[in-house]
Amino acid sequence: MEQSVMKRFLCIVATLSASLATFAQEYRGSVSLLEFDGKTALFAAEGVSSKKGDILRNAEETIFDQLLYTGIDGINDSRPLMNKPREQLKTKDFAVNFFKKRMHAYLKQDASGKNVLSEPMGQTIQVSAGYSCVYLIPIKYNVLIRDLKTEGLLNQ
């Protein structure tokens, strides 16, 4: 009986460790603010992914993750935009669905309504986690702020 409990415990610990490692690695790229005019913020963001096709998406998600939950130098006094930790926002539709459904609404668009293409700043390189590339990514900051205020989630 004791061996069975120990095996279950070890399986749970291994599963949690793998999950936490995956979660912690999801947004590990660096982000720097390059320009900000009050409406649009231009970032240089590193995307890291095991698949080349997912590097840009990871760079975009990294920007929003840092903007919302940890803060970026030069924006909102380097404080996160969300007024509560990620763990307390799970019941809020805005936070839960942000990366799946809402994130692309904040990427800058041209006059025809199409997203302005993010530009790679260099070559895609192979790293221990897969592939990495730094992109220039414009964000509609004023629209993001408006929506966070509307949802009652803005850290002021």
C-alpha atoms as a PDB file:
ATOM      1  CA  MET A   1       0.000   0.000   0.000  1.00  0.00           C
ATOM      2  CA  GLU A   2       2.768   2.457   0.903  1.00  0.00           C
ATOM      3  CA  GLN A   3       4.555   1.894  -2.445  1.00  0.00           C
ATOM      4  CA  SER A   4       1.345   2.686  -4.337  1.00  0.00           C
ATOM      5  CA  VAL A   5       0.943   6.002  -2.517  1.00  0.00           C
ATOM      6  CA  MET A   6       4.594   6.839  -3.101  1.00  0.00           C
ATOM      7  CA  LYS A   7       4.286   6.061  -6.834  1.00  0.00           C
ATOM      8  CA  ARG A   8       1.214   8.307  -7.122  1.00  0.00           C
ATOM      9  CA  PHE A   9       2.989  11.073  -5.246  1.00  0.00           C
ATOM     10  CA  LEU A  10       6.037  10.845  -7.530  1.00  0.00           C
ATOM     11  CA  CYS A  11       3.807  10.856 -10.629  1.00  0.00           C
ATOM     12  CA  ILE A  12       1.998  13.967  -9.384  1.00  0.00           C
ATOM     13  CA  VAL A  13       5.283  15.716  -8.564  1.00  0.00           C
ATOM     14  CA  ALA A  14       6.722  14.822 -11.987  1.00  0.00           C
ATOM     15  CA  THR A  15       3.586  16.050 -13.762  1.00  0.00           C
ATOM     16  CA  LEU A  16       3.542  19.320 -11.819  1.00  0.00           C
ATOM     17  CA  SER A  17       7.242  19.854 -12.415  1.00  0.00           C
ATOM     18  CA  ALA A  18       6.823  19.342 -16.151  1.00  0.00           C
ATOM     19  CA  SER A  19       3.794  21.647 -16.234  1.00  0.00           C
ATOM     20  CA  LEU A  20       5.552  24.375 -14.285  1.00  0.00           C
ATOM     21  CA  ALA A  21       8.653  24.112 -16.442  1.00  0.00           C
ATOM     22  CA  THR A  22       6.551  24.422 -19.599  1.00  0.00           C
ATOM     23  CA  PHE A  23       4.591  27.372 -18.162  1.00  0.00           C
ATOM     24  CA  ALA A  24       7.720  29.156 -16.963  1.00  0.00           C
ATOM     25  CA  GLN A  25       9.385  28.786 -20.365  1.00  0.00           C
ATOM     26  CA  GLU A  26       6.398  29.969 -22.368  1.00  0.00           C
ATOM     27  CA  TYR A  27       7.242  33.689 -22.251  1.00  0.00           C
ATOM     28  CA  ARG A  28      10.947  33.776 -21.586  1.00  0.00           C
ATOM     29  CA  GLY A  29      11.944  36.188 -24.381  1.00  0.00           C
ATOM     30  CA  SER A  30      13.121  39.712 -23.669  1.00  0.00           C
ATOM     31  CA  VAL A  31      11.091  42.843 -24.479  1.00  0.00           C
ATOM     32  CA  SER A  32      12.258  46.443 -24.924  1.00  0.00           C
ATOM     33  CA  LEU A  33      10.205  49.553 -25.620  1.00  0.00           C
ATOM     34  CA  LEU A  34      11.667  51.390 -28.625  1.00  0.00           C
ATOM     35  CA  GLU A  35       9.105  54.154 -29.273  1.00  0.00           C
ATOM     36  CA  PHE A  36       5.958  55.393 -27.591  1.00  0.00           C
ATOM     37  CA  ASP A  37       3.720  58.259 -28.717  1.00  0.00           C
ATOM     38  CA  GLY A  38       0.871  57.768 -26.240  1.00  0.00           C
ATOM     39  CA  LYS A  39      -1.195  55.797 -28.752  1.00  0.00           C
ATOM     40  CA  THR A  40       1.179  53.263 -30.265  1.00  0.00           C
ATOM     41  CA  ALA A  41       4.072  51.495 -28.591  1.00  0.00           C
ATOM     42  CA  LEU A  42       6.788  49.879 -30.684  1.00  0.00           C
ATOM     43  CA  PHE A  43       8.580  46.976 -29.035  1.00  0.00           C
ATOM     44  CA  ALA A  44      11.538  44.791 -29.857  1.00  0.00           C
ATOM     45  CA  ALA A  45      10.541  41.368 -28.579  1.00  0.00           C
ATOM     46  CA  GLU A  46      12.308  38.043 -28.671  1.00  0.00           C
ATOM     47  CA  GLY A  47      10.217  35.027 -29.555  1.00  0.00           C
ATOM     48  CA  VAL A  48      11.373  31.544 -28.583  1.00  0.00           C
ATOM     49  CA  SER A  49       9.690  28.366 -29.773  1.00  0.00           C
ATOM     50  CA  SER A  50      10.408  24.774 -30.652  1.00  0.00           C
ATOM     51  CA  LYS A  51       8.749  25.462 -34.042  1.00  0.00           C
ATOM     52  CA  LYS A  52       9.949  28.213 -36.391  1.00  0.00           C
ATOM     53  CA  GLY A  53       6.370  29.062 -37.324  1.00  0.00           C
ATOM     54  CA  ASP A  54       5.463  29.909 -33.700  1.00  0.00           C
ATOM     55  CA  ILE A  55       8.304  32.349 -32.950  1.00  0.00           C
ATOM     56  CA  LEU A  56       6.392  35.521 -33.906  1.00  0.00           C
ATOM     57  CA  ARG A  57       3.315  34.491 -31.922  1.00  0.00           C
ATOM     58  CA  ASN A  58       5.531  33.821 -28.899  1.00  0.00           C
ATOM     59  CA  ALA A  59       7.141  37.266 -29.257  1.00  0.00           C
ATOM     60  CA  GLU A  60       3.682  38.899 -29.388  1.00  0.00           C
ATOM     61  CA  GLU A  61       2.480  36.924 -26.368  1.00  0.00           C
ATOM     62  CA  THR A  62       5.668  37.795 -24.481  1.00  0.00           C
ATOM     63  CA  ILE A  63       4.996  41.519 -24.964  1.00  0.00           C
ATOM     64  CA  PHE A  64       1.443  41.258 -23.672  1.00  0.00           C
ATOM     65  CA  ASP A  65       2.405  38.945 -20.814  1.00  0.00           C
ATOM     66  CA  GLN A  66       5.023  41.436 -19.631  1.00  0.00           C
ATOM     67  CA  LEU A  67       2.774  44.475 -20.209  1.00  0.00           C
ATOM     68  CA  LEU A  68      -0.118  42.949 -18.295  1.00  0.00           C
ATOM     69  CA  TYR A  69       1.581  41.016 -15.510  1.00  0.00           C
ATOM     70  CA  THR A  70       5.169  42.157 -14.873  1.00  0.00           C
ATOM     71  CA  GLY A  71       5.652  45.585 -16.458  1.00  0.00           C
ATOM     72  CA  ILE A  72       8.028  46.958 -19.092  1.00  0.00           C
ATOM     73  CA  ASP A  73      10.461  49.836 -18.623  1.00  0.00           C
ATOM     74  CA  GLY A  74       9.051  53.058 -20.099  1.00  0.00           C
ATOM     75  CA  ILE A  75       5.366  52.062 -19.874  1.00  0.00           C
ATOM     76  CA  ASN A  76       3.078  52.723 -16.877  1.00  0.00           C
ATOM     77  CA  ASP A  77       6.065  53.537 -14.644  1.00  0.00           C
ATOM     78  CA  SER A  78       7.365  49.989 -15.306  1.00  0.00           C
ATOM     79  CA  ARG A  79       4.362  48.536 -13.436  1.00  0.00           C
ATOM     80  CA  PRO A  80       2.059  45.823 -14.797  1.00  0.00           C
ATOM     81  CA  LEU A  81      -1.107  47.103 -16.485  1.00  0.00           C
ATOM     82  CA  MET A  82      -3.343  44.586 -14.698  1.00  0.00           C
ATOM     83  CA  ASN A  83      -4.407  45.566 -11.207  1.00  0.00           C
ATOM     84  CA  LYS A  84      -4.422  41.989  -9.875  1.00  0.00           C
ATOM     85  CA  PRO A  85      -2.054  39.024 -10.148  1.00  0.00           C
ATOM     86  CA  ARG A  86      -2.748  36.558 -12.969  1.00  0.00           C
ATOM     87  CA  GLU A  87      -4.009  33.921 -10.511  1.00  0.00           C
ATOM     88  CA  GLN A  88      -6.833  36.189  -9.304  1.00  0.00           C
ATOM     89  CA  LEU A  89      -8.034  36.997 -12.824  1.00  0.00           C
ATOM     90  CA  LYS A  90      -9.056  33.527 -13.941  1.00  0.00           C
ATOM     91  CA  THR A  91     -12.763  34.247 -13.568  1.00  0.00           C
ATOM     92  CA  LYS A  92     -12.559  37.409 -15.662  1.00  0.00           C
ATOM     93  CA  ASP A  93     -13.417  36.706 -19.298  1.00  0.00           C
ATOM     94  CA  PHE A  94     -11.047  39.438 -20.520  1.00  0.00           C
ATOM     95  CA  ALA A  95      -8.027  37.853 -18.842  1.00  0.00           C
ATOM     96  CA  VAL A  96      -8.905  34.225 -19.519  1.00  0.00           C
ATOM     97  CA  ASN A  97      -9.449  34.683 -23.234  1.00  0.00           C
ATOM     98  CA  PHE A  98      -6.878  37.393 -23.839  1.00  0.00           C
ATOM     99  CA  PHE A  99      -4.167  35.368 -25.586  1.00  0.00           C
ATOM    100  CA  LYS A 100      -6.594  33.183 -27.539  1.00  0.00           C
ATOM    101  CA  LYS A 101      -9.219  35.699 -28.624  1.00  0.00           C
ATOM    102  CA  ARG A 102      -8.307  39.304 -27.848  1.00  0.00           C
ATOM    103  CA  MET A 103      -4.567  39.814 -28.259  1.00  0.00           C
ATOM    104  CA  HIS A 104      -4.635  40.412 -32.012  1.00  0.00           C
ATOM    105  CA  ALA A 105      -7.112  43.295 -31.622  1.00  0.00           C
ATOM    106  CA  TYR A 106      -4.245  45.286 -30.065  1.00  0.00           C
ATOM    107  CA  LEU A 107      -1.704  44.712 -32.815  1.00  0.00           C
ATOM    108  CA  LYS A 108      -1.374  47.835 -34.961  1.00  0.00           C
ATOM    109  CA  GLN A 109      -3.368  47.841 -38.196  1.00  0.00           C
ATOM    110  CA  ASP A 110      -2.985  49.752 -41.438  1.00  0.00           C
ATOM    111  CA  ALA A 111      -5.697  51.935 -43.043  1.00  0.00           C
ATOM    112  CA  SER A 112      -7.414  48.870 -44.553  1.00  0.00           C
ATOM    113  CA  GLY A 113      -7.709  47.191 -41.124  1.00  0.00           C
ATOM    114  CA  LYS A 114      -5.027  44.566 -41.690  1.00  0.00           C
ATOM    115  CA  ASN A 115      -2.397  43.977 -39.007  1.00  0.00           C
ATOM    116  CA  VAL A 116       0.853  45.762 -39.698  1.00  0.00           C
ATOM    117  CA  LEU A 117       3.351  42.996 -40.232  1.00  0.00           C
ATOM    118  CA  SER A 118       5.905  42.621 -37.508  1.00  0.00           C
ATOM    119  CA  GLU A 119       9.420  42.825 -38.877  1.00  0.00           C
ATOM    120  CA  PRO A 120      12.214  40.455 -37.865  1.00  0.00           C
ATOM    121  CA  MET A 121      15.279  42.365 -36.649  1.00  0.00           C
ATOM    122  CA  GLY A 122      17.688  39.621 -37.629  1.00  0.00           C
ATOM    123  CA  GLN A 123      18.068  35.985 -38.477  1.00  0.00           C
ATOM    124  CA  THR A 124      16.232  33.165 -36.768  1.00  0.00           C
ATOM    125  CA  ILE A 125      18.806  31.306 -34.721  1.00  0.00           C
ATOM    126  CA  GLN A 126      18.771  27.866 -33.172  1.00  0.00           C
ATOM    127  CA  VAL A 127      18.876  27.850 -29.363  1.00  0.00           C
ATOM    128  CA  SER A 128      18.579  25.103 -26.752  1.00  0.00           C
ATOM    129  CA  ALA A 129      14.787  25.567 -26.603  1.00  0.00           C
ATOM    130  CA  GLY A 130      14.369  25.461 -30.389  1.00  0.00           C
ATOM    131  CA  TYR A 131      14.468  28.718 -32.343  1.00  0.00           C
ATOM    132  CA  SER A 132      14.697  32.402 -31.479  1.00  0.00           C
ATOM    133  CA  CYS A 133      14.237  35.670 -33.352  1.00  0.00           C
ATOM    134  CA  VAL A 134      13.708  39.306 -32.333  1.00  0.00           C
ATOM    135  CA  TYR A 135      10.798  41.172 -33.950  1.00  0.00           C
ATOM    136  CA  LEU A 136       9.678  44.800 -34.121  1.00  0.00           C
ATOM    137  CA  ILE A 137       6.043  44.730 -33.006  1.00  0.00           C
ATOM    138  CA  PRO A 138       3.724  47.774 -32.845  1.00  0.00           C
ATOM    139  CA  ILE A 139       0.910  47.658 -30.258  1.00  0.00           C
ATOM    140  CA  LYS A 140      -2.225  49.840 -30.038  1.00  0.00           C
ATOM    141  CA  TYR A 141      -1.497  50.818 -26.446  1.00  0.00           C
ATOM    142  CA  ASN A 142      -4.299  53.391 -26.104  1.00  0.00           C
ATOM    143  CA  VAL A 143      -6.917  50.807 -27.128  1.00  0.00           C
ATOM    144  CA  LEU A 144      -5.532  48.271 -24.652  1.00  0.00           C
ATOM    145  CA  ILE A 145      -5.674  50.867 -21.865  1.00  0.00           C
ATOM    146  CA  ARG A 146      -9.256  51.814 -22.777  1.00  0.00           C
ATOM    147  CA  ASP A 147     -10.370  48.177 -22.635  1.00  0.00           C
ATOM    148  CA  LEU A 148      -8.577  47.492 -19.346  1.00  0.00           C
ATOM    149  CA  LYS A 149     -10.344  50.524 -17.835  1.00  0.00           C
ATOM    150  CA  THR A 150     -13.708  49.339 -19.171  1.00  0.00           C
ATOM    151  CA  GLU A 151     -13.128  45.906 -17.623  1.00  0.00           C
ATOM    152  CA  GLY A 152     -12.047  47.449 -14.300  1.00  0.00           C
ATOM    153  CA  LEU A 153      -8.623  45.793 -14.565  1.00  0.00           C
ATOM    154  CA  LEU A 154      -6.274  48.745 -15.121  1.00  0.00           C
ATOM    155  CA  ASN A 155      -3.488  49.223 -12.580  1.00  0.00           C
ATOM    156  CA  GLN A 156      -3.409  53.027 -12.145  1.00  0.00           C
END
